[in-house]
Protein backbone atom coordinates (compact mmCIF):
# COMPACT_ATOMS: atom_id res chain seq x y z
CA MET A 1 22.17 -27.16 -21.93
CA LYS A 2 19.15 -27.67 -19.67
CA LEU A 3 21.29 -29.45 -17.12
CA LEU A 4 23.89 -26.66 -17.12
CA ILE A 5 21.25 -23.98 -16.50
CA CYS A 6 19.70 -26.00 -13.68
CA VAL A 7 23.05 -26.65 -11.99
CA LEU A 8 23.94 -22.94 -12.16
CA ALA A 9 20.53 -22.01 -10.77
CA SER A 10 21.05 -24.50 -7.94
CA LEU A 11 24.38 -22.93 -6.99
CA VAL A 12 22.99 -19.41 -7.18
CA PHE A 13 19.80 -19.94 -5.23
CA LEU A 14 20.53 -22.69 -2.75
CA ALA A 15 23.69 -21.21 -1.23
CA PRO A 16 21.96 -18.29 0.55
CA LEU A 17 18.80 -20.14 1.55
CA ARG A 18 19.75 -20.37 5.22
CA LEU A 19 19.64 -16.55 5.20
CA VAL A 20 16.06 -16.43 3.95
CA SER A 21 14.41 -18.64 6.57
CA VAL A 22 14.47 -22.00 4.73
CA PRO A 23 16.39 -24.69 6.70
CA TRP A 24 19.48 -25.74 4.73
CA PRO A 25 18.86 -29.52 4.31
CA SER A 26 15.18 -29.19 3.49
CA GLY A 27 15.90 -26.19 1.25
CA LEU A 28 18.50 -28.17 -0.66
CA ILE A 29 16.20 -31.13 -1.22
CA ALA A 30 13.18 -28.99 -2.08
CA GLY A 31 15.19 -26.75 -4.38
CA LEU A 32 16.74 -29.62 -6.29
CA GLY A 33 13.35 -31.28 -6.58
CA VAL A 34 11.85 -28.14 -8.07
CA LEU A 35 14.70 -27.74 -10.54
CA VAL A 36 14.52 -31.37 -11.67
CA VAL A 37 10.86 -30.93 -12.46
CA TRP A 38 11.60 -27.70 -14.30
CA MET A 39 14.22 -29.47 -16.43
CA ALA A 40 11.42 -31.25 -18.25
CA SER A 41 10.02 -28.05 -19.76
CA TRP A 42 11.68 -25.57 -22.13
CA LYS A 43 8.94 -23.11 -21.22
CA ASN A 44 10.04 -23.11 -17.61
CA ILE A 45 13.68 -22.79 -18.65
CA ARG A 46 12.67 -19.68 -20.63
CA ILE A 47 10.83 -18.26 -17.60
CA ALA A 48 13.86 -18.93 -15.40
CA ALA A 49 16.18 -17.22 -17.87
CA CYS A 50 13.89 -14.16 -18.02
CA THR A 51 13.47 -13.80 -14.25
CA ILE A 52 16.79 -14.89 -12.73
CA LYS A 53 18.24 -11.34 -12.69
CA ARG A 54 15.11 -9.96 -11.02
CA ASP A 55 15.07 -12.77 -8.45
CA LEU A 56 18.75 -12.29 -7.63
CA MET A 57 18.21 -8.55 -7.10
CA CYS A 58 15.42 -9.30 -4.66
CA LEU A 59 17.38 -12.08 -2.97
CA ALA A 60 20.27 -9.66 -2.41
CA ALA A 61 17.90 -7.14 -0.80
CA ILE A 62 16.37 -9.82 1.43
CA VAL A 63 19.79 -11.01 2.56
CA LYS A 64 20.93 -7.45 3.37
CA VAL A 65 17.77 -6.72 5.36
CA ARG A 66 17.84 -10.09 7.16
CA LEU A 67 21.50 -9.74 8.14
CA SER A 68 20.91 -6.18 9.35
CA ILE A 69 17.86 -7.14 11.44
CA SER A 70 19.69 -10.14 12.95
CA ARG A 71 22.66 -7.95 13.86
CA ASN A 72 20.43 -5.28 15.40
CA VAL A 73 18.40 -7.79 17.40
CA ARG A 74 21.58 -9.54 18.61
CA ASN A 75 23.08 -6.22 19.73
CA LYS A 76 19.75 -4.95 21.10
CA ARG A 77 19.75 -1.86 18.91
CA THR A 78 16.42 -0.06 18.87
CA ILE A 79 15.36 2.56 16.33
CA PRO A 80 16.49 5.39 18.66
CA ALA A 81 19.87 3.65 19.06
CA LEU A 82 20.30 3.30 15.31
CA PHE A 83 19.41 6.96 14.85
CA ALA A 84 22.04 7.90 17.45
CA GLN A 85 24.69 6.24 15.28
CA LYS A 86 23.73 8.49 12.37
CA VAL A 87 23.98 11.55 14.62
CA LEU A 88 27.56 10.62 15.47
CA GLN A 89 28.41 10.18 11.78
CA HIS A 90 27.15 13.61 10.65
CA PRO A 91 25.68 15.75 13.47
CA ASP A 92 25.39 18.93 11.40
CA LYS A 93 23.86 17.43 8.27
CA PRO A 94 20.21 18.44 7.64
CA ALA A 95 17.94 15.66 8.86
CA LEU A 96 14.49 17.19 8.45
CA ILE A 97 13.40 20.26 6.49
CA PHE A 98 9.93 21.68 7.15
CA GLU A 99 8.75 23.09 3.84
CA ALA A 100 6.07 25.34 5.34
CA THR A 101 8.52 27.50 7.33
CA GLY A 102 11.91 26.62 5.90
CA GLU A 103 13.06 25.25 9.28
CA VAL A 104 16.09 22.97 9.00
CA TRP A 105 16.69 20.45 11.79
CA SER A 106 20.18 18.94 11.81
CA PHE A 107 20.68 15.38 13.07
CA LYS A 108 22.10 16.79 16.31
CA ALA A 109 19.19 19.22 16.74
CA LEU A 110 16.66 16.45 16.16
CA GLN A 111 18.39 14.29 18.77
CA GLU A 112 18.38 17.14 21.29
CA ARG A 113 14.64 17.58 20.82
CA CYS A 114 14.11 13.83 21.20
CA ASN A 115 16.07 13.88 24.45
CA ALA A 116 13.94 16.75 25.71
CA VAL A 117 10.78 14.79 24.91
CA ALA A 118 12.16 11.71 26.71
CA HIS A 119 12.87 13.74 29.90
CA TRP A 120 9.45 15.38 29.66
CA ALA A 121 7.76 11.97 29.34
CA LEU A 122 9.53 10.66 32.44
CA ALA A 123 8.49 13.80 34.33
CA GLN A 124 4.87 12.99 33.50
CA GLY A 125 5.24 9.67 35.24
CA TRP A 126 4.89 7.64 32.07
CA ALA A 127 6.67 4.30 32.03
CA GLU A 128 7.68 1.64 29.52
CA GLY A 129 4.59 0.14 27.88
CA ASP A 130 2.40 3.22 28.33
CA VAL A 131 0.68 4.65 25.25
CA VAL A 132 0.42 8.32 24.31
CA ALA A 133 -1.73 9.47 21.38
CA LEU A 134 -0.33 12.04 18.95
CA TYR A 135 -3.00 14.18 17.31
CA MET A 136 -1.08 16.61 15.12
CA GLU A 137 -0.53 17.74 11.56
CA SER A 138 2.70 16.73 9.80
CA HIS A 139 5.64 18.59 11.31
CA PRO A 140 9.21 17.65 12.32
CA LEU A 141 8.01 17.86 15.92
CA VAL A 142 5.93 14.71 15.31
CA VAL A 143 9.17 12.82 14.62
CA ALA A 144 10.82 14.22 17.74
CA LEU A 145 7.78 13.25 19.83
CA TRP A 146 7.44 9.60 18.83
CA LEU A 147 11.20 9.03 18.73
CA GLY A 148 11.69 10.71 22.11
CA LEU A 149 8.86 8.68 23.63
CA ALA A 150 10.40 5.51 22.19
CA MET A 151 13.66 6.33 23.96
CA VAL A 152 11.95 5.62 27.29
CA GLY A 153 9.74 2.79 26.03
CA VAL A 154 6.53 4.80 25.68
CA GLU A 155 4.47 3.85 22.62
CA ALA A 156 2.96 6.52 20.39
CA ALA A 157 -0.43 6.09 18.75
CA PHE A 158 -0.61 8.10 15.52
CA ILE A 159 -4.10 9.58 15.19
CA ASN A 160 -5.35 10.86 11.83
CA HIS A 161 -5.70 14.59 12.43
CA ASN A 162 -8.73 14.68 10.12
CA LEU A 163 -10.81 12.50 12.45
CA ARG A 164 -13.65 13.95 14.49
CA GLN A 165 -16.26 12.74 17.00
CA GLU A 166 -16.95 8.97 17.01
CA SER A 167 -14.01 7.98 14.79
CA LEU A 168 -11.61 10.07 16.88
CA LEU A 169 -12.93 8.64 20.14
CA HIS A 170 -12.67 5.12 18.72
CA CYS A 171 -9.02 5.49 17.70
CA VAL A 172 -7.96 7.07 20.99
CA GLY A 173 -9.95 4.53 22.99
CA VAL A 174 -8.71 1.41 21.22
CA SER A 175 -5.08 2.48 21.72
CA GLY A 176 -5.45 2.56 25.51
CA ALA A 177 -3.65 5.92 25.57
CA ARG A 178 -2.91 7.50 28.95
CA ALA A 179 -2.64 10.94 27.39
CA VAL A 180 -3.09 12.84 24.14
CA VAL A 181 -0.54 15.26 22.71
CA PHE A 182 -2.18 17.64 20.27
CA GLY A 183 -0.85 20.48 18.17
CA ALA A 184 -2.07 24.06 18.23
CA GLU A 185 -3.17 24.18 14.69
CA MET A 186 15.71 -3.52 17.13
CA THR A 187 14.01 -5.39 19.92
CA GLU A 188 10.52 -6.80 19.62
CA ASP A 189 9.19 -4.15 22.03
CA ARG A 190 6.31 -2.13 20.60
CA LEU A 191 7.45 1.13 19.03
CA PHE A 192 4.11 2.74 18.17
CA TYR A 193 0.68 2.16 16.61
CA ILE A 194 -0.21 3.00 13.02
CA TYR A 195 -3.92 3.04 12.18
CA THR A 196 -5.28 1.39 9.05
CA SER A 197 -7.04 3.70 6.63
CA GLY A 198 -10.52 2.48 7.48
CA THR A 199 -11.70 2.20 3.88
CA THR A 200 -13.83 -0.85 4.81
CA GLY A 201 -14.75 -0.01 8.40
CA MET A 202 -13.35 1.61 11.53
CA PRO A 203 -9.55 2.02 11.55
CA LYS A 204 -7.55 -0.62 13.44
CA ALA A 205 -4.41 0.11 15.46
CA ALA A 206 -1.61 -1.92 13.86
CA VAL A 207 1.32 -2.71 16.16
CA VAL A 208 4.73 -1.61 14.84
CA VAL A 209 7.74 -3.12 16.62
CA HIS A 210 11.31 -1.94 16.10
CA SER A 211 12.21 -4.75 13.70
CA ARG A 212 9.16 -4.03 11.55
CA TYR A 213 10.07 -0.36 11.30
CA PHE A 214 13.60 -1.31 10.24
CA ARG A 215 12.34 -3.92 7.78
CA ILE A 216 10.00 -1.54 5.93
CA ALA A 217 12.50 1.30 5.69
CA ALA A 218 15.43 -1.00 4.84
CA PHE A 219 13.61 -2.78 2.02
CA GLY A 220 12.89 0.59 0.45
CA PHE A 221 16.52 1.65 0.78
CA HIS A 222 18.11 -1.56 -0.54
CA SER A 223 15.53 -2.36 -3.22
CA PHE A 224 15.18 0.94 -5.03
CA GLY A 225 18.73 2.26 -5.15
CA LEU A 226 18.39 4.93 -2.47
CA ARG A 227 21.51 6.61 -1.06
CA PRO A 228 22.51 8.36 2.18
CA ASP A 229 23.02 11.61 0.25
CA ASP A 230 19.46 11.58 -1.12
CA ILE A 231 17.00 14.34 -0.31
CA LEU A 232 13.55 12.82 -0.04
CA TYR A 233 10.35 14.84 -0.55
CA ASN A 234 7.69 13.62 1.86
CA CYS A 235 4.25 15.19 1.49
CA LEU A 236 2.47 12.19 3.02
CA PRO A 237 0.74 12.35 6.42
CA LEU A 238 3.04 11.30 9.25
CA TYR A 239 0.27 9.30 10.92
CA HIS A 240 0.61 6.86 8.01
CA SER A 241 3.35 4.22 7.69
CA ALA A 242 4.44 5.42 4.24
CA GLY A 243 5.21 8.87 5.60
CA THR A 244 6.67 8.04 9.00
CA ILE A 245 8.41 4.71 8.25
CA MET A 246 9.27 4.50 4.55
CA GLY A 247 9.89 8.26 4.40
CA VAL A 248 11.29 9.45 7.73
CA GLY A 249 12.96 6.05 8.17
CA GLN A 250 15.44 6.93 5.42
CA CYS A 251 16.63 9.79 7.61
CA LEU A 252 16.74 7.96 10.95
CA LEU A 253 18.32 4.73 9.69
CA PHE A 254 20.33 5.70 6.61
CA GLY A 255 21.18 9.36 7.07
CA SER A 256 19.19 10.85 4.20
CA THR A 257 17.61 14.31 4.41
CA VAL A 258 13.81 14.39 4.43
CA VAL A 259 11.72 17.40 3.42
CA ILE A 260 8.41 17.35 5.26
CA ARG A 261 5.40 19.14 3.81
CA ARG A 262 2.40 19.75 6.03
CA LYS A 263 -0.06 18.74 3.33
CA PHE A 264 0.12 17.48 -0.25
CA SER A 265 -0.25 20.15 -2.92
CA ALA A 266 -0.38 19.12 -6.56
CA SER A 267 0.29 22.66 -7.74
CA ARG A 268 3.35 23.15 -5.49
CA PHE A 269 4.81 19.63 -5.75
CA TRP A 270 7.49 20.16 -8.40
CA ASP A 271 8.26 23.70 -7.24
CA ASP A 272 9.11 22.26 -3.82
CA CYS A 273 11.27 19.52 -5.36
CA VAL A 274 13.29 22.11 -7.30
CA LYS A 275 13.57 24.44 -4.30
CA HIS A 276 15.03 21.73 -2.04
CA ASN A 277 17.02 19.81 -4.71
CA CYS A 278 15.04 16.64 -4.00
CA THR A 279 16.27 13.41 -5.59
CA VAL A 280 13.55 11.05 -4.33
CA ILE A 281 9.80 11.54 -4.08
CA GLN A 282 7.11 9.52 -2.37
CA TYR A 283 3.64 8.83 -3.69
CA ILE A 284 0.66 6.89 -2.47
CA GLY A 285 -2.82 6.26 -3.73
CA GLU A 286 -3.77 8.77 -6.37
CA ILE A 287 -0.99 11.34 -6.01
CA CYS A 288 0.56 10.52 -9.41
CA ARG A 289 -2.82 10.95 -11.10
CA TYR A 290 -3.34 14.30 -9.38
CA LEU A 291 0.05 15.48 -10.66
CA LEU A 292 -0.80 14.44 -14.22
CA ALA A 293 -4.04 16.39 -14.01
CA GLN A 294 -2.08 19.60 -13.35
CA PRO A 295 -1.20 21.96 -16.22
CA VAL A 296 2.40 21.80 -17.45
CA ARG A 297 4.70 24.06 -15.43
CA PRO A 298 8.44 24.87 -15.85
CA SER A 299 9.51 23.27 -12.56
CA GLU A 300 8.51 19.79 -13.68
CA ALA A 301 11.29 19.89 -16.27
CA HIS A 302 14.00 21.25 -13.95
CA HIS A 303 13.86 18.91 -10.97
CA ARG A 304 16.60 16.42 -9.97
CA VAL A 305 14.26 13.60 -8.95
CA ARG A 306 15.47 10.21 -10.17
CA VAL A 307 13.39 7.81 -8.02
CA ALA A 308 9.69 7.72 -7.12
CA ILE A 309 8.77 5.22 -4.39
CA GLY A 310 5.32 4.30 -3.20
CA ASN A 311 2.31 2.12 -3.77
CA GLY A 312 -0.95 2.44 -5.63
CA LEU A 313 0.36 3.77 -8.95
CA ARG A 314 -2.32 2.74 -11.40
CA PRO A 315 -1.15 0.92 -14.53
CA SER A 316 -3.30 3.31 -16.55
CA VAL A 317 -1.16 6.32 -15.57
CA TRP A 318 2.24 4.67 -14.95
CA GLU A 319 3.89 5.23 -18.34
CA GLU A 320 2.44 8.70 -18.78
CA PHE A 321 3.74 9.71 -15.34
CA VAL A 322 7.26 8.42 -16.07
CA ARG A 323 7.35 9.99 -19.53
CA ARG A 324 6.03 13.42 -18.62
CA PHE A 325 8.08 13.91 -15.46
CA LYS A 326 11.18 12.03 -16.68
CA ILE A 327 11.43 9.70 -13.70
CA GLN A 328 14.33 7.25 -14.07
CA ARG A 329 13.02 4.63 -11.66
CA VAL A 330 9.68 3.77 -10.09
CA GLY A 331 9.88 1.78 -6.86
CA GLU A 332 6.36 0.40 -6.56
CA PHE A 333 5.65 -1.90 -3.63
CA TYR A 334 2.69 -3.59 -1.98
CA GLY A 335 2.12 -3.97 1.72
CA ALA A 336 -0.02 -2.87 4.61
CA THR A 337 1.64 -1.63 7.80
CA GLU A 338 0.91 -4.86 9.62
CA CYS A 339 1.29 -7.45 6.86
CA ASN A 340 3.99 -10.10 6.48
CA CYS A 341 3.54 -10.56 2.74
CA SER A 342 4.94 -7.32 1.33
CA LEU A 343 5.91 -7.28 -2.33
CA ILE A 344 8.44 -5.15 -4.20
CA ASN A 345 8.65 -4.34 -7.89
CA ILE A 346 12.43 -4.31 -7.93
CA ASP A 347 12.99 -4.09 -11.69
CA GLY A 348 10.37 -1.52 -12.70
CA LYS A 349 7.88 -3.82 -14.45
CA VAL A 350 5.10 -1.46 -15.55
CA GLY A 351 1.86 -2.05 -13.65
CA ALA A 352 3.21 -4.70 -11.26
CA CYS A 353 3.22 -4.19 -7.49
CA GLY A 354 5.80 -6.94 -6.94
CA PHE A 355 6.54 -10.54 -7.80
CA SER A 356 6.87 -14.10 -6.53
CA SER A 357 9.76 -16.20 -7.79
CA ARG A 358 8.71 -18.94 -10.21
CA ILE A 359 12.05 -20.69 -9.75
CA LEU A 360 12.00 -21.05 -5.97
CA PRO A 361 8.57 -19.90 -4.79
CA ASN A 362 9.15 -21.05 -1.23
CA PHE A 363 12.13 -18.86 -0.38
CA TYR A 364 9.63 -16.08 0.30
CA PRO A 365 6.49 -17.94 1.43
CA ILE A 366 3.62 -15.90 0.05
CA ARG A 367 0.88 -17.24 -2.19
CA LEU A 368 -2.31 -16.40 -4.04
CA VAL A 369 -5.13 -18.73 -3.01
CA LYS A 370 -8.64 -19.13 -4.33
CA VAL A 371 -11.59 -17.47 -2.60
CA LYS A 372 -15.34 -17.69 -2.99
CA GLU A 373 -16.96 -15.17 -5.30
CA ASP A 374 -17.64 -11.80 -3.63
CA GLU A 375 -16.49 -13.23 -0.26
CA LYS A 376 -13.38 -13.41 1.89
CA GLU A 377 -13.76 -17.13 2.60
CA LEU A 378 -10.81 -19.18 1.39
CA LEU A 379 -11.58 -22.22 -0.75
CA ARG A 380 -10.19 -25.58 0.45
CA ASP A 381 -9.25 -28.83 -1.25
CA SER A 382 -10.23 -32.35 -0.10
CA GLN A 383 -7.43 -32.29 2.50
CA GLY A 384 -8.58 -29.01 3.98
CA LEU A 385 -5.72 -26.92 2.59
CA CYS A 386 -6.06 -23.70 0.62
CA ILE A 387 -5.98 -24.01 -3.18
CA PRO A 388 -3.11 -22.16 -4.92
CA CYS A 389 -3.97 -20.04 -7.95
CA LEU A 390 -2.40 -20.68 -11.33
CA PRO A 391 -0.94 -17.83 -13.38
CA GLY A 392 -3.78 -15.66 -14.63
CA GLU A 393 -6.17 -16.66 -11.84
CA PRO A 394 -7.04 -13.91 -9.33
CA GLY A 395 -6.70 -14.88 -5.70
CA MET A 396 -6.24 -13.69 -2.13
CA LEU A 397 -2.68 -12.86 -1.10
CA VAL A 398 -1.55 -14.69 2.06
CA GLY A 399 1.77 -14.95 3.89
CA ARG A 400 2.97 -17.78 6.12
CA ILE A 401 3.42 -16.69 9.75
CA SER A 402 6.54 -17.51 11.75
CA ASP A 403 6.98 -15.79 15.11
CA LYS A 404 10.71 -16.66 15.13
CA ASP A 405 11.37 -14.87 11.83
CA PRO A 406 11.24 -11.04 11.80
CA LEU A 407 10.31 -11.12 8.09
CA ARG A 408 7.48 -13.58 8.63
CA ARG A 409 5.93 -12.53 11.95
CA PHE A 410 2.53 -10.90 12.26
CA ASP A 411 2.33 -8.52 15.20
CA GLY A 412 -1.36 -7.83 14.72
CA TYR A 413 -3.42 -5.03 16.20
CA ALA A 414 -4.04 -3.55 19.62
CA ASP A 415 -7.39 -5.36 19.54
CA GLN A 416 -7.03 -9.17 19.70
CA ASP A 417 -10.31 -9.86 17.89
CA SER A 418 -9.12 -7.81 14.92
CA THR A 419 -5.85 -9.76 14.96
CA ASN A 420 -7.63 -13.12 14.94
CA GLN A 421 -9.75 -12.12 11.96
CA LYS A 422 -6.62 -11.71 9.81
CA ILE A 423 -5.21 -15.18 10.55
CA ALA A 424 -6.10 -18.39 8.69
CA HIS A 425 -4.91 -21.89 9.54
CA HIS A 426 -3.96 -24.91 7.39
CA VAL A 427 -3.03 -22.74 4.42
CA PHE A 428 0.30 -24.00 3.02
CA GLN A 429 0.30 -27.19 5.09
CA MET A 430 -1.67 -28.70 7.95
CA GLY A 431 -1.08 -26.99 11.27
CA ASP A 432 0.37 -23.74 9.92
CA SER A 433 -1.03 -20.23 10.12
CA ALA A 434 -1.00 -17.39 7.60
CA TYR A 435 -1.82 -13.69 7.43
CA VAL A 436 -4.77 -12.98 5.11
CA SER A 437 -4.27 -9.68 3.33
CA GLY A 438 -7.85 -9.09 2.22
CA ASP A 439 -6.53 -8.08 -1.21
CA VAL A 440 -7.08 -9.83 -4.52
CA LEU A 441 -4.11 -9.98 -6.89
CA VAL A 442 -3.28 -11.87 -10.07
CA MET A 443 0.09 -13.31 -11.13
CA ASP A 444 1.40 -13.72 -14.67
CA GLU A 445 3.58 -16.59 -15.93
CA TYR A 446 6.78 -14.78 -14.89
CA GLY A 447 5.58 -14.30 -11.33
CA TYR A 448 4.78 -10.58 -11.56
CA MET A 449 1.90 -9.65 -9.27
CA TYR A 450 -0.81 -7.15 -10.22
CA PHE A 451 -3.25 -5.62 -7.76
CA ARG A 452 -6.82 -6.47 -8.71
CA ASP A 453 -9.05 -5.27 -5.87
CA ARG A 454 -9.56 -5.17 -2.18
CA SER A 455 -11.69 -8.09 -1.06
CA GLY A 456 -15.34 -7.12 -1.43
CA ASP A 457 -14.65 -4.51 -4.11
CA THR A 458 -14.83 -6.99 -6.98
CA PHE A 459 -18.44 -7.67 -7.86
CA ARG A 460 -20.21 -10.01 -10.26
CA TRP A 461 -22.47 -8.74 -13.06
CA LYS A 462 -23.93 -10.66 -16.00
CA GLY A 463 -21.92 -13.73 -15.02
CA GLU A 464 -18.58 -11.88 -15.06
CA ASN A 465 -16.30 -10.53 -12.34
CA VAL A 466 -15.83 -6.77 -12.50
CA SER A 467 -12.65 -5.24 -11.10
CA THR A 468 -13.48 -1.84 -9.65
CA THR A 469 -9.81 -0.83 -9.79
CA GLU A 470 -9.56 -1.47 -13.52
CA VAL A 471 -12.83 0.32 -14.32
CA GLU A 472 -11.84 3.30 -12.17
CA GLY A 473 -8.57 3.59 -14.08
CA VAL A 474 -10.33 3.61 -17.45
CA LEU A 475 -13.03 6.09 -16.48
CA SER A 476 -10.59 8.42 -14.75
CA GLY A 477 -8.39 8.44 -17.83
CA LEU A 478 -11.32 9.27 -20.08
CA LEU A 479 -12.24 12.19 -17.84
CA GLY A 480 -8.80 13.79 -17.56
CA HIS A 481 -7.65 11.98 -14.40
CA THR A 482 -10.58 13.06 -12.24
CA ASP A 483 -11.60 11.18 -9.07
CA VAL A 484 -13.80 8.15 -9.78
CA ALA A 485 -15.20 5.57 -7.36
CA VAL A 486 -16.63 2.37 -8.85
CA TYR A 487 -18.70 -0.10 -6.82
CA GLY A 488 -21.51 -2.61 -7.17
CA VAL A 489 -25.08 -1.88 -6.07
CA SER A 490 -27.89 -4.35 -5.50
CA VAL A 491 -31.06 -4.10 -7.57
CA PRO A 492 -34.13 -5.99 -6.28
CA GLY A 493 -34.85 -9.13 -8.29
CA VAL A 494 -31.62 -8.93 -10.27
CA GLU A 495 -28.75 -11.37 -9.87
CA GLY A 496 -25.34 -9.93 -9.01
CA LYS A 497 -24.60 -6.24 -8.59
CA ALA A 498 -24.92 -3.47 -11.13
CA GLY A 499 -21.89 -1.27 -11.64
CA MET A 500 -22.11 2.30 -10.44
CA ALA A 501 -19.53 5.08 -10.81
CA ALA A 502 -19.38 8.16 -8.61
CA ILE A 503 -17.52 10.88 -10.51
CA ALA A 504 -16.12 14.14 -9.18
CA HIS A 505 -17.76 16.30 -11.82
CA THR A 506 -20.42 18.98 -11.75
CA GLY A 507 -21.86 17.79 -15.03
CA ALA A 508 -21.19 21.08 -16.77
CA GLY A 509 -19.55 20.46 -20.11
CA LEU A 510 -19.83 16.67 -19.86
CA ASP A 511 -21.37 15.15 -22.98
CA LEU A 512 -22.88 11.91 -21.71
CA ASP A 513 -23.41 10.52 -25.23
CA GLU A 514 -19.76 11.12 -26.06
CA PHE A 515 -18.73 9.67 -22.70
CA LEU A 516 -20.82 6.52 -23.27
CA SER A 517 -19.31 6.08 -26.71
CA ALA A 518 -15.81 6.18 -25.21
CA VAL A 519 -16.82 3.78 -22.43
CA GLN A 520 -18.15 1.30 -25.00
CA LYS A 521 -14.81 1.39 -26.81
CA HIS A 522 -12.72 0.80 -23.70
CA LEU A 523 -14.83 -1.51 -21.53
CA PRO A 524 -16.69 -4.78 -22.14
CA SER A 525 -20.45 -4.60 -21.76
CA TYR A 526 -20.54 -6.17 -18.28
CA ALA A 527 -18.01 -3.64 -16.91
CA ARG A 528 -19.76 -0.49 -18.16
CA PRO A 529 -21.39 1.50 -15.33
CA VAL A 530 -25.13 0.98 -15.21
CA PHE A 531 -25.45 4.02 -12.96
CA LEU A 532 -23.52 7.28 -12.82
CA ARG A 533 -23.45 9.73 -9.95
CA LEU A 534 -22.00 13.15 -10.66
CA MET A 535 -20.97 14.98 -7.50
CA PRO A 536 -18.71 17.92 -6.56
CA SER A 537 -16.15 15.62 -4.92
CA VAL A 538 -15.59 11.98 -4.01
CA ASP A 539 -14.75 11.08 -0.42
CA THR A 540 -11.11 10.05 0.12
CA THR A 541 -9.02 9.09 3.14
CA GLY A 542 -6.03 11.10 4.32
CA THR A 543 -3.87 8.85 2.13
CA PHE A 544 -5.95 9.46 -0.99
CA LYS A 545 -7.82 6.17 -0.99
CA ILE A 546 -11.39 6.50 -2.20
CA GLN A 547 -14.13 5.89 0.37
CA LYS A 548 -17.04 3.86 -0.94
CA ILE A 549 -19.03 2.80 2.12
CA ARG A 550 -21.41 5.76 2.13
CA LEU A 551 -21.77 5.67 -1.64
CA GLN A 552 -22.72 1.99 -1.63
CA LYS A 553 -25.33 2.57 1.07
CA GLU A 554 -26.93 5.45 -0.82
CA SER A 555 -27.02 3.34 -3.99
CA PHE A 556 -28.73 4.83 -7.07
CA LYS A 557 -31.47 6.82 -5.36
CA PRO A 558 -31.66 10.51 -6.36
CA GLN A 559 -29.41 12.52 -4.04
CA ARG A 560 -29.05 16.01 -2.64
CA THR A 561 -29.05 19.24 -4.62
CA GLY A 562 -25.91 19.72 -6.66
CA GLU A 563 -25.66 16.06 -7.61
CA GLU A 564 -27.06 14.13 -10.56
CA THR A 565 -27.69 10.41 -10.97
CA TYR A 566 -28.03 8.67 -14.35
CA PHE A 567 -29.16 5.24 -15.51
CA LEU A 568 -27.87 3.48 -18.62
CA ASN A 569 -30.91 2.71 -20.74
CA SER A 570 -29.46 -0.10 -22.86
CA ARG A 571 -32.42 -0.13 -25.24
CA ALA A 572 -32.23 3.58 -25.92
CA GLY A 573 -28.42 3.51 -25.84
CA ARG A 574 -27.99 6.51 -23.56
CA TYR A 575 -27.75 7.65 -19.96
CA GLU A 576 -31.01 9.03 -18.55
CA ALA A 577 -31.46 11.15 -15.43
CA VAL A 578 -32.81 9.19 -12.44
CA ASP A 579 -35.77 10.84 -10.76
CA ASP A 580 -38.04 9.38 -8.08
CA GLU A 581 -40.34 7.84 -10.70
CA LEU A 582 -37.54 6.08 -12.61
CA CYS A 583 -35.92 4.95 -9.36
CA LYS A 584 -39.19 3.34 -8.25
CA ALA A 585 -39.62 1.64 -11.62
CA ILE A 586 -36.09 0.15 -11.40
CA ILE A 587 -36.71 -1.12 -7.86
CA GLU A 588 -40.05 -2.67 -8.88
CA GLY A 589 -38.42 -4.43 -11.85
CA LYS A 590 -40.35 -2.49 -14.49
CA VAL A 591 -37.15 -1.36 -16.21
CA SER A 592 -34.83 -3.81 -17.93
CA LEU A 593 -31.20 -3.76 -16.86
């Protein structure tokens, strides 16, 4: 029986390996070697039996995307050229709908606007390789601008329209833009720049080439059961890859209709979906939590949405979100704009952001490797190679780089120093290079991956590692899905970092004794916040990621009027208000933590 299963697995997995970047002879030998070893363990046979359907679904998606990219590269089809094919197929079909005004742009109308932009760009004297910054709110015109510029080889730099002063100057400057367009309110050529969110520093301009744009959009289409007749609701900012690639890409490459909303509104979300007969929605960051925090309204029971795609859906709200809004399928994925180690949760495993095959882990060369505590430095074995993590061990996600493979290449950033910082060498084998994600994940025995924290977010307290993501999920749930930022703060003379939670709450009506009691039930002692900071709102990025840099710098010192800071007095068993006197006593070590 074992032999039969292994032979069948060999036939299923080894046949398409040449399509997924593993050379045929070496893939055959390596694959058979892996399967022979697996034959010795019933446990591994059980794992294979439980994951083979999932792995085949993913393999099918990879093959479709790889074949499509190869065909497009061979025929020199750029994103504008692929969009032109869709225009020929259905010129009068709605391509983009602007929710704010009700404007409907057909595929033909969108192409006409793109052509106008291309002629305008040439009239300005801009040439292939020039960069133009786009500083605008979400609007169909943004699509026409970057697509029209791409038609003549001009690269767009998407600038977050919320930026001001130094951050704005930095983003425009690092792009090398010759001009800025601002609003009144598949070759390997560069298509445009997408800026990272800047949650851990200044944003970086990630290079997006045509094949990368196609790859991201195509994986979403083929992995999550999307269709050309879908109507996708896109309330995400178009300066972000989720909005302009994963979202708008379904229109440009696959002929779907996309409804663009200028700005996310939790109260209008389901009303909009009903109004436009949307079948697919996008989420990112905390959007799903914001929707759950809204009162029940009739529209949430009358929508036609069957698929929700995005990343950052917390495990703590996943099942409640699906149950309340009757979503048939959640397409959770992991991946930064620039990364080569994207993950997809293709079979809807609750809480997982993707998976790595346990049967043939090398057909998609990503890996979790061990890192030093509270640092980004990768741990090495006696040979100088990175140390793979076992199931259950948190580690840094890395992806092997191959410039010849469009699924494995790393195009980096406009700034070479930033690019170099994300590359490690001698990771899988001596002489190789790999992209370092900066994110800590953990894998279970079936290969499902779970996001743990961004590197630097995890902190150590009382000899234990504390995951800020997990604690944020628990606290937010206890407080009715409010915004919560958890981080570690240094206390003089104390080893590790004490947990602190900034909570978007005025304090009115919050019973701290009752809150502490709930925290004690749901969190181990080392993960309970030592400090609380109640404030009107918590800083977030334009893509709803919580900003912690300022909060960490301000630590537990008493803050401005309208905010309250509390300290967990473990001896008294309650949270006490932090004034200047108590703050000084904590710093001088006169108060036990």
